[in-house]
Protein backbone atom coordinates (compact mmCIF):
# COMPACT_ATOMS: atom_id res chain seq x y z
CA MET A 1 25.16 5.22 -86.12
CA ALA A 2 26.44 4.50 -82.60
CA ASP A 3 28.61 7.56 -82.20
CA THR A 4 27.61 9.74 -85.08
CA PHE A 5 26.47 13.36 -84.81
CA LEU A 6 23.88 14.72 -87.16
CA LEU A 7 22.41 18.16 -87.68
CA LEU A 8 20.32 19.01 -90.68
CA VAL A 9 18.68 22.39 -91.12
CA PHE A 10 15.63 22.72 -93.31
CA PRO A 11 15.08 26.48 -93.71
CA MET A 12 11.84 27.74 -95.20
CA ARG A 13 10.25 31.13 -95.27
CA THR A 14 7.80 30.50 -92.48
CA LEU A 15 8.96 27.24 -90.82
CA THR A 16 12.55 26.36 -90.00
CA ILE A 17 13.29 22.89 -88.76
CA HIS A 18 16.55 21.68 -87.22
CA LEU A 19 16.92 17.89 -87.14
CA GLY A 20 19.70 16.31 -85.24
CA GLY A 21 20.97 13.71 -82.92
CA HIS A 22 23.61 11.27 -81.87
CA ARG A 23 23.38 7.61 -80.92
CA ASP A 24 19.74 6.89 -80.15
CA CYS A 25 18.91 10.50 -79.16
CA MET A 26 17.14 12.26 -82.01
CA GLY A 27 15.03 15.34 -82.19
CA LEU A 28 13.66 18.30 -84.07
CA SER A 29 13.48 22.00 -83.30
CA LEU A 30 10.56 23.84 -84.92
CA ARG A 31 10.68 27.64 -85.39
CA GLY A 32 8.20 29.92 -87.05
CA GLY A 33 4.72 28.92 -88.18
CA CYS A 34 3.25 25.81 -89.70
CA THR A 35 0.40 27.32 -91.64
CA SER A 36 0.67 26.43 -95.34
CA PRO A 37 0.79 23.32 -97.51
CA ALA A 38 4.53 24.00 -98.02
CA ASP A 39 5.07 24.08 -94.25
CA ALA A 40 3.18 20.78 -93.82
CA ALA A 41 5.28 19.16 -96.57
CA HIS A 42 8.41 20.60 -94.91
CA LEU A 43 7.48 18.96 -91.59
CA GLU A 44 6.73 15.70 -93.36
CA GLN A 45 10.18 15.75 -95.00
CA ALA A 46 11.88 16.33 -91.64
CA ILE A 47 9.88 13.53 -89.97
CA ASN A 48 10.81 11.17 -92.81
CA GLN A 49 14.50 12.01 -92.23
CA LEU A 50 14.09 11.41 -88.54
CA LEU A 51 12.31 8.05 -89.02
CA VAL A 52 15.16 6.77 -91.22
CA ARG A 53 17.18 6.61 -87.97
CA ALA A 54 14.71 4.07 -86.51
CA VAL A 55 14.90 5.38 -82.94
CA PRO A 56 12.32 4.38 -80.33
CA GLN A 57 11.60 7.99 -79.35
CA ALA A 58 12.26 11.49 -80.63
CA TRP A 59 11.92 14.87 -78.95
CA ILE A 60 10.37 17.84 -80.72
CA ASP A 61 11.31 21.29 -79.32
CA CYS A 62 8.34 23.55 -80.10
CA ARG A 63 9.38 26.62 -78.07
CA GLY A 64 10.01 28.54 -81.29
CA LEU A 65 6.77 27.49 -82.97
CA HIS A 66 4.52 30.52 -82.90
CA SER A 67 1.53 29.66 -85.11
CA LEU A 68 -0.41 26.65 -86.35
CA SER A 69 -3.26 26.74 -88.80
CA TRP A 70 -5.75 23.90 -89.07
CA LEU A 71 -3.45 22.48 -91.76
CA GLY A 72 -0.49 22.80 -89.38
CA GLN A 73 -2.40 20.92 -86.70
CA GLN A 74 -3.15 18.17 -89.20
CA ALA A 75 0.56 18.05 -90.14
CA LEU A 76 1.45 17.46 -86.46
CA LEU A 77 -1.13 14.68 -86.26
CA GLN A 78 0.11 13.05 -89.46
CA ALA A 79 3.73 13.27 -88.29
CA ASP A 80 2.80 11.69 -84.97
CA SER A 81 0.77 8.94 -86.61
CA LYS A 82 3.54 8.18 -89.14
CA ALA A 83 6.08 7.97 -86.27
CA ARG A 84 3.89 5.64 -84.27
CA ALA A 85 3.42 3.41 -87.29
CA SER A 86 7.25 3.23 -87.43
CA SER A 87 7.48 2.40 -83.68
CA THR A 88 8.81 5.83 -82.80
CA GLN A 89 7.20 7.84 -80.00
CA LEU A 90 7.25 11.61 -80.51
CA TYR A 91 7.35 13.99 -77.56
CA TRP A 92 6.13 17.50 -78.42
CA CYS A 93 7.82 19.83 -75.90
CA GLY A 94 7.48 23.48 -75.06
CA LEU A 95 4.37 24.55 -76.99
CA SER A 96 3.17 28.02 -75.96
CA LYS A 97 0.06 28.33 -73.81
CA SER A 98 -1.90 29.79 -76.79
CA LEU A 99 -0.95 26.89 -79.07
CA LEU A 100 -1.75 24.38 -76.33
CA ASN A 101 -5.19 26.02 -76.00
CA GLU A 102 -5.70 25.84 -79.79
CA LEU A 103 -4.76 22.14 -79.80
CA LYS A 104 -7.06 21.44 -76.87
CA ASP A 105 -9.97 23.26 -78.50
CA SER A 106 -9.55 21.27 -81.69
CA GLY A 107 -9.10 17.92 -79.89
CA VAL A 108 -5.60 17.44 -81.35
CA SER A 109 -3.86 17.67 -77.93
CA ALA A 110 -5.51 14.43 -76.80
CA GLN A 111 -3.78 12.61 -79.66
CA LEU A 112 -0.21 13.92 -79.08
CA THR A 113 2.25 13.34 -76.23
CA LEU A 114 2.68 16.91 -75.01
CA CYS A 115 5.46 17.83 -72.58
CA SER A 116 6.78 21.00 -71.01
CA ALA A 117 10.00 22.55 -72.31
CA ALA A 118 11.72 21.39 -69.13
CA ASP A 119 10.86 17.77 -69.97
CA PHE A 120 12.83 17.88 -73.25
CA GLN A 121 15.31 14.98 -73.30
CA GLY A 122 16.46 15.28 -76.92
CA PRO A 123 19.80 16.56 -78.18
CA GLN A 124 20.70 19.68 -76.18
CA PHE A 125 22.29 21.40 -79.20
CA LEU A 126 18.81 21.63 -80.72
CA LEU A 127 17.75 23.88 -77.83
CA ALA A 128 20.59 26.26 -78.57
CA SER A 129 19.62 26.39 -82.25
CA ALA A 130 16.03 27.30 -81.26
CA THR A 131 17.17 30.54 -79.71
CA ALA A 132 19.82 31.43 -82.33
């Protein structure tokens, strides 16, 4: 996969996920809300696709993520745990202030590697898809 380009779009009613990358630079873009069991399963499917690439790190653009239920927070934790078990570090970038506060209040933020949107080092084409 040295010079390949990949973009997969997983559209759902409430959560849309773009997965893509090239070489060892992989990432996801999350848009919408992660609030239902279907959304959690959708995120798990995308993480599984990402982990098949066996990259040491992956960047998750969360600028378009606008809501997380308790189930959604658990889905983020499970995705992060699964990635760590596969030796992949996930960087969750660009969460809104309100979502950061929710994650802090629930204790989830302490278990994730949270970064600002400016710190995103994943595939730049994912950022464009987040605003499309």
